[in-house]
Amino acid sequence: MSRGFGYPKRNSRKKVMHTSAKYLILKEMALFNTLSENELNMIAHAALYEKVAKNKTIYQAGSKADYVYVIEKGSVKSGNYASDGRLMIKEIYYDGELFGENIF
């Protein structure tokens, strides 16, 4: 299972976590070390927290990407499926890393 943050469109059905709890988690991540308290609060306010079950597909090639993810704990494999159904891993993301930034 992986846990992390996404930055979704409005009207999402993701689980709600209090901003102060998200702030404390983000503050511990090296990715956000250079941000001011105000900037970190803004991100915590906009972010949604989601636990993702092992082997759950987060995004499929060709689908519209609506989120940027930061992994709090766990790992995420990125890749494509071969014609025989095997996952061809392109990259693996770990704790504190960001992926999905190509939506910008």
N, C-alpha and C. Protein backbone atom coordinates (compact mmCIF):
# COMPACT_ATOMS: atom_id res chain seq x y z
N MET A 1 0.85 -1.17 0.00
CA MET A 1 0.00 0.00 0.00
C MET A 1 0.90 1.24 0.00
N SER A 2 0.52 2.23 -0.76
CA SER A 2 1.23 3.50 -0.78
C SER A 2 0.31 4.58 -0.24
N ARG A 3 0.91 5.58 0.36
CA ARG A 3 0.14 6.72 0.83
C ARG A 3 0.80 7.97 0.27
N GLY A 4 -0.03 8.93 -0.11
CA GLY A 4 0.54 10.14 -0.65
C GLY A 4 -0.49 11.19 -0.92
N PHE A 5 -0.06 12.22 -1.60
CA PHE A 5 -0.89 13.39 -1.85
C PHE A 5 -1.10 13.58 -3.33
N GLY A 6 -2.30 13.99 -3.70
CA GLY A 6 -2.60 14.36 -5.07
C GLY A 6 -3.20 15.75 -5.07
N TYR A 7 -3.10 16.43 -6.16
CA TYR A 7 -3.68 17.76 -6.29
C TYR A 7 -4.78 17.68 -7.33
N PRO A 8 -6.03 17.46 -6.90
CA PRO A 8 -7.12 17.11 -7.80
C PRO A 8 -7.92 18.29 -8.31
N LYS A 9 -8.77 17.97 -9.25
CA LYS A 9 -9.78 18.92 -9.69
C LYS A 9 -10.86 19.01 -8.63
N ARG A 10 -11.67 20.02 -8.70
CA ARG A 10 -12.77 20.18 -7.75
C ARG A 10 -13.76 19.03 -7.90
N ASN A 11 -14.58 18.83 -6.88
CA ASN A 11 -15.61 17.80 -6.85
C ASN A 11 -15.05 16.39 -6.85
N SER A 12 -13.83 16.21 -6.36
CA SER A 12 -13.25 14.89 -6.25
C SER A 12 -13.87 14.14 -5.08
N ARG A 13 -13.79 12.82 -5.11
CA ARG A 13 -14.35 12.00 -4.03
C ARG A 13 -13.26 11.44 -3.13
N LYS A 14 -12.10 12.04 -3.08
CA LYS A 14 -11.01 11.57 -2.24
C LYS A 14 -11.31 11.85 -0.77
N LYS A 15 -10.72 11.03 0.11
CA LYS A 15 -10.90 11.16 1.55
C LYS A 15 -10.35 12.49 2.04
N VAL A 16 -11.05 13.12 2.97
CA VAL A 16 -10.66 14.43 3.48
C VAL A 16 -9.78 14.25 4.72
N MET A 17 -8.68 14.98 4.78
CA MET A 17 -7.79 15.01 5.93
C MET A 17 -7.62 16.48 6.31
N HIS A 18 -7.59 16.76 7.60
CA HIS A 18 -7.46 18.14 8.07
C HIS A 18 -6.15 18.75 7.56
N THR A 19 -6.21 20.02 7.19
CA THR A 19 -5.05 20.72 6.64
C THR A 19 -3.85 20.66 7.56
N SER A 20 -4.05 20.79 8.86
CA SER A 20 -2.91 20.77 9.80
C SER A 20 -2.20 19.42 9.79
N ALA A 21 -2.94 18.34 9.62
CA ALA A 21 -2.33 17.01 9.55
C ALA A 21 -1.52 16.87 8.26
N LYS A 22 -2.07 17.35 7.15
CA LYS A 22 -1.35 17.30 5.88
C LYS A 22 -0.09 18.17 5.96
N TYR A 23 -0.20 19.33 6.60
CA TYR A 23 0.94 20.23 6.76
C TYR A 23 2.09 19.52 7.47
N LEU A 24 1.78 18.84 8.56
CA LEU A 24 2.82 18.16 9.34
C LEU A 24 3.50 17.05 8.54
N ILE A 25 2.74 16.34 7.73
CA ILE A 25 3.34 15.29 6.90
C ILE A 25 4.22 15.91 5.82
N LEU A 26 3.73 16.92 5.14
CA LEU A 26 4.50 17.58 4.08
C LEU A 26 5.77 18.23 4.61
N LYS A 27 5.68 18.79 5.80
CA LYS A 27 6.82 19.48 6.42
C LYS A 27 8.01 18.53 6.62
N GLU A 28 7.72 17.25 6.82
CA GLU A 28 8.78 16.26 7.05
C GLU A 28 9.43 15.77 5.75
N MET A 29 8.86 16.12 4.62
CA MET A 29 9.39 15.65 3.33
C MET A 29 10.45 16.60 2.79
N ALA A 30 11.58 16.03 2.38
CA ALA A 30 12.69 16.82 1.86
C ALA A 30 12.28 17.67 0.65
N LEU A 31 11.35 17.18 -0.13
CA LEU A 31 10.88 17.87 -1.33
C LEU A 31 10.40 19.29 -1.02
N PHE A 32 9.88 19.50 0.20
CA PHE A 32 9.28 20.78 0.56
C PHE A 32 10.13 21.60 1.52
N ASN A 33 11.38 21.23 1.75
CA ASN A 33 12.26 21.91 2.71
C ASN A 33 12.46 23.40 2.44
N THR A 34 12.45 23.81 1.21
CA THR A 34 12.77 25.20 0.88
C THR A 34 11.55 26.12 0.89
N LEU A 35 10.37 25.57 1.12
CA LEU A 35 9.16 26.38 1.11
C LEU A 35 8.95 27.11 2.43
N SER A 36 8.36 28.28 2.33
CA SER A 36 8.01 29.03 3.53
C SER A 36 6.82 28.36 4.20
N GLU A 37 6.54 28.74 5.43
CA GLU A 37 5.39 28.19 6.15
C GLU A 37 4.10 28.49 5.40
N ASN A 38 3.99 29.70 4.87
CA ASN A 38 2.80 30.10 4.12
C ASN A 38 2.64 29.25 2.85
N GLU A 39 3.71 29.05 2.11
CA GLU A 39 3.65 28.24 0.89
C GLU A 39 3.26 26.80 1.21
N LEU A 40 3.83 26.25 2.28
CA LEU A 40 3.51 24.89 2.69
C LEU A 40 2.05 24.77 3.13
N ASN A 41 1.55 25.78 3.82
CA ASN A 41 0.14 25.81 4.21
C ASN A 41 -0.77 25.82 2.99
N MET A 42 -0.39 26.58 1.97
CA MET A 42 -1.19 26.64 0.74
C MET A 42 -1.27 25.27 0.07
N ILE A 43 -0.14 24.58 0.02
CA ILE A 43 -0.12 23.24 -0.58
C ILE A 43 -0.94 22.27 0.25
N ALA A 44 -0.77 22.33 1.57
CA ALA A 44 -1.52 21.44 2.46
C ALA A 44 -3.02 21.67 2.32
N HIS A 45 -3.42 22.91 2.15
CA HIS A 45 -4.84 23.23 2.00
C HIS A 45 -5.41 22.65 0.70
N ALA A 46 -4.63 22.71 -0.38
CA ALA A 46 -5.10 22.26 -1.69
C ALA A 46 -4.97 20.75 -1.88
N ALA A 47 -4.08 20.12 -1.13
CA ALA A 47 -3.78 18.71 -1.33
C ALA A 47 -4.84 17.80 -0.73
N LEU A 48 -4.98 16.65 -1.34
CA LEU A 48 -5.83 15.59 -0.80
C LEU A 48 -4.96 14.40 -0.47
N TYR A 49 -5.28 13.72 0.60
CA TYR A 49 -4.52 12.57 1.07
C TYR A 49 -5.24 11.30 0.64
N GLU A 50 -4.49 10.36 0.12
CA GLU A 50 -5.12 9.12 -0.34
C GLU A 50 -4.23 7.92 -0.04
N LYS A 51 -4.84 6.86 0.51
CA LYS A 51 -4.16 5.58 0.65
C LYS A 51 -4.53 4.76 -0.57
N VAL A 52 -3.53 4.16 -1.18
CA VAL A 52 -3.75 3.38 -2.40
C VAL A 52 -3.34 1.94 -2.14
N ALA A 53 -4.24 1.01 -2.42
CA ALA A 53 -3.96 -0.42 -2.22
C ALA A 53 -2.89 -0.91 -3.18
N LYS A 54 -2.15 -1.91 -2.73
CA LYS A 54 -1.11 -2.51 -3.56
C LYS A 54 -1.72 -3.01 -4.87
N ASN A 55 -1.01 -2.79 -5.95
CA ASN A 55 -1.39 -3.21 -7.31
C ASN A 55 -2.58 -2.45 -7.89
N LYS A 56 -3.02 -1.38 -7.26
CA LYS A 56 -4.09 -0.56 -7.81
C LYS A 56 -3.50 0.35 -8.90
N THR A 57 -4.20 0.46 -10.00
CA THR A 57 -3.77 1.36 -11.07
C THR A 57 -4.17 2.78 -10.69
N ILE A 58 -3.20 3.66 -10.68
CA ILE A 58 -3.44 5.07 -10.34
C ILE A 58 -3.74 5.87 -11.59
N TYR A 59 -3.06 5.54 -12.66
CA TYR A 59 -3.20 6.27 -13.91
C TYR A 59 -2.93 5.32 -15.06
N GLN A 60 -3.71 5.43 -16.15
CA GLN A 60 -3.49 4.61 -17.33
C GLN A 60 -3.06 5.50 -18.50
N ALA A 61 -2.13 5.00 -19.28
CA ALA A 61 -1.66 5.73 -20.46
C ALA A 61 -2.85 6.09 -21.33
N GLY A 62 -2.85 7.32 -21.81
CA GLY A 62 -3.93 7.80 -22.65
C GLY A 62 -5.05 8.47 -21.89
N SER A 63 -5.11 8.25 -20.57
CA SER A 63 -6.11 8.91 -19.74
C SER A 63 -5.66 10.32 -19.41
N LYS A 64 -6.62 11.18 -19.14
CA LYS A 64 -6.28 12.55 -18.76
C LYS A 64 -5.73 12.54 -17.33
N ALA A 65 -4.56 13.13 -17.14
CA ALA A 65 -3.95 13.20 -15.81
C ALA A 65 -4.48 14.43 -15.08
N ASP A 66 -5.05 14.21 -13.91
CA ASP A 66 -5.62 15.30 -13.12
C ASP A 66 -4.82 15.60 -11.86
N TYR A 67 -3.82 14.80 -11.55
CA TYR A 67 -3.14 14.91 -10.27
C TYR A 67 -1.62 14.93 -10.42
N VAL A 68 -0.99 15.51 -9.43
CA VAL A 68 0.43 15.34 -9.18
C VAL A 68 0.49 14.62 -7.85
N TYR A 69 1.30 13.58 -7.74
CA TYR A 69 1.36 12.77 -6.53
C TYR A 69 2.71 12.93 -5.84
N VAL A 70 2.66 12.95 -4.51
CA VAL A 70 3.85 12.89 -3.68
C VAL A 70 3.66 11.68 -2.78
N ILE A 71 4.64 10.81 -2.76
CA ILE A 71 4.52 9.58 -1.99
C ILE A 71 5.00 9.81 -0.56
N GLU A 72 4.12 9.59 0.40
CA GLU A 72 4.50 9.69 1.80
C GLU A 72 5.24 8.43 2.23
N LYS A 73 4.66 7.28 1.93
CA LYS A 73 5.24 6.01 2.35
C LYS A 73 4.87 4.94 1.32
N GLY A 74 5.85 4.17 0.93
CA GLY A 74 5.60 3.10 -0.03
C GLY A 74 6.34 3.34 -1.33
N SER A 75 5.86 2.70 -2.38
CA SER A 75 6.47 2.88 -3.70
C SER A 75 5.41 2.74 -4.77
N VAL A 76 5.70 3.32 -5.93
CA VAL A 76 4.80 3.26 -7.08
C VAL A 76 5.63 2.92 -8.30
N LYS A 77 5.17 1.93 -9.06
CA LYS A 77 5.83 1.54 -10.30
C LYS A 77 5.14 2.26 -11.46
N SER A 78 5.96 2.75 -12.37
CA SER A 78 5.45 3.42 -13.56
C SER A 78 5.93 2.64 -14.78
N GLY A 79 5.02 2.36 -15.69
CA GLY A 79 5.41 1.63 -16.88
C GLY A 79 4.22 1.34 -17.77
N ASN A 80 4.42 0.46 -18.69
CA ASN A 80 3.38 0.04 -19.64
C ASN A 80 3.30 -1.47 -19.65
N TYR A 81 2.14 -1.98 -20.06
CA TYR A 81 1.97 -3.42 -20.18
C TYR A 81 2.37 -3.87 -21.58
N ALA A 82 3.12 -4.96 -21.62
CA ALA A 82 3.51 -5.57 -22.89
C ALA A 82 2.32 -6.35 -23.45
N SER A 83 2.41 -6.75 -24.69
CA SER A 83 1.30 -7.48 -25.33
C SER A 83 0.99 -8.80 -24.62
N ASP A 84 1.97 -9.35 -23.89
CA ASP A 84 1.72 -10.60 -23.16
C ASP A 84 1.19 -10.36 -21.74
N GLY A 85 0.93 -9.08 -21.41
CA GLY A 85 0.35 -8.75 -20.11
C GLY A 85 1.35 -8.43 -19.01
N ARG A 86 2.63 -8.60 -19.26
CA ARG A 86 3.65 -8.27 -18.25
C ARG A 86 3.84 -6.76 -18.16
N LEU A 87 4.07 -6.28 -16.94
CA LEU A 87 4.34 -4.87 -16.72
C LEU A 87 5.80 -4.58 -17.05
N MET A 88 6.02 -3.67 -17.96
CA MET A 88 7.37 -3.23 -18.32
C MET A 88 7.63 -1.96 -17.51
N ILE A 89 8.39 -2.08 -16.44
CA ILE A 89 8.60 -0.97 -15.50
C ILE A 89 9.56 0.05 -16.09
N LYS A 90 9.11 1.28 -16.13
CA LYS A 90 9.91 2.40 -16.62
C LYS A 90 10.65 3.07 -15.46
N GLU A 91 9.95 3.22 -14.35
CA GLU A 91 10.53 3.90 -13.19
C GLU A 91 9.80 3.46 -11.92
N ILE A 92 10.50 3.54 -10.78
CA ILE A 92 9.90 3.27 -9.48
C ILE A 92 10.10 4.50 -8.62
N TYR A 93 9.02 4.97 -8.02
CA TYR A 93 9.06 6.14 -7.15
C TYR A 93 8.94 5.68 -5.70
N TYR A 94 9.67 6.35 -4.80
CA TYR A 94 9.71 5.97 -3.39
C TYR A 94 9.30 7.13 -2.49
N ASP A 95 9.35 6.87 -1.17
CA ASP A 95 8.98 7.86 -0.16
C ASP A 95 9.52 9.25 -0.49
N GLY A 96 8.65 10.25 -0.43
CA GLY A 96 9.05 11.64 -0.63
C GLY A 96 9.22 12.07 -2.06
N GLU A 97 9.05 11.17 -3.01
CA GLU A 97 9.22 11.52 -4.42
C GLU A 97 7.89 11.95 -5.04
N LEU A 98 8.01 12.70 -6.11
CA LEU A 98 6.87 13.25 -6.82
C LEU A 98 6.76 12.59 -8.19
N PHE A 99 5.54 12.33 -8.63
CA PHE A 99 5.34 11.86 -10.01
C PHE A 99 4.02 12.42 -10.52
N GLY A 100 3.87 12.41 -11.84
CA GLY A 100 2.68 12.96 -12.47
C GLY A 100 2.82 14.43 -12.82
N GLU A 101 4.02 14.96 -12.67
CA GLU A 101 4.25 16.37 -12.94
C GLU A 101 4.09 16.73 -14.40
N ASN A 102 3.97 15.74 -15.27
CA ASN A 102 3.78 15.99 -16.70
C ASN A 102 2.40 16.55 -17.03
N ILE A 103 1.52 16.73 -16.03
CA ILE A 103 0.20 17.33 -16.30
C ILE A 103 0.32 18.83 -16.51
N PHE A 104 1.45 19.42 -16.12
CA PHE A 104 1.60 20.86 -16.26
C PHE A 104 1.95 21.20 -17.66
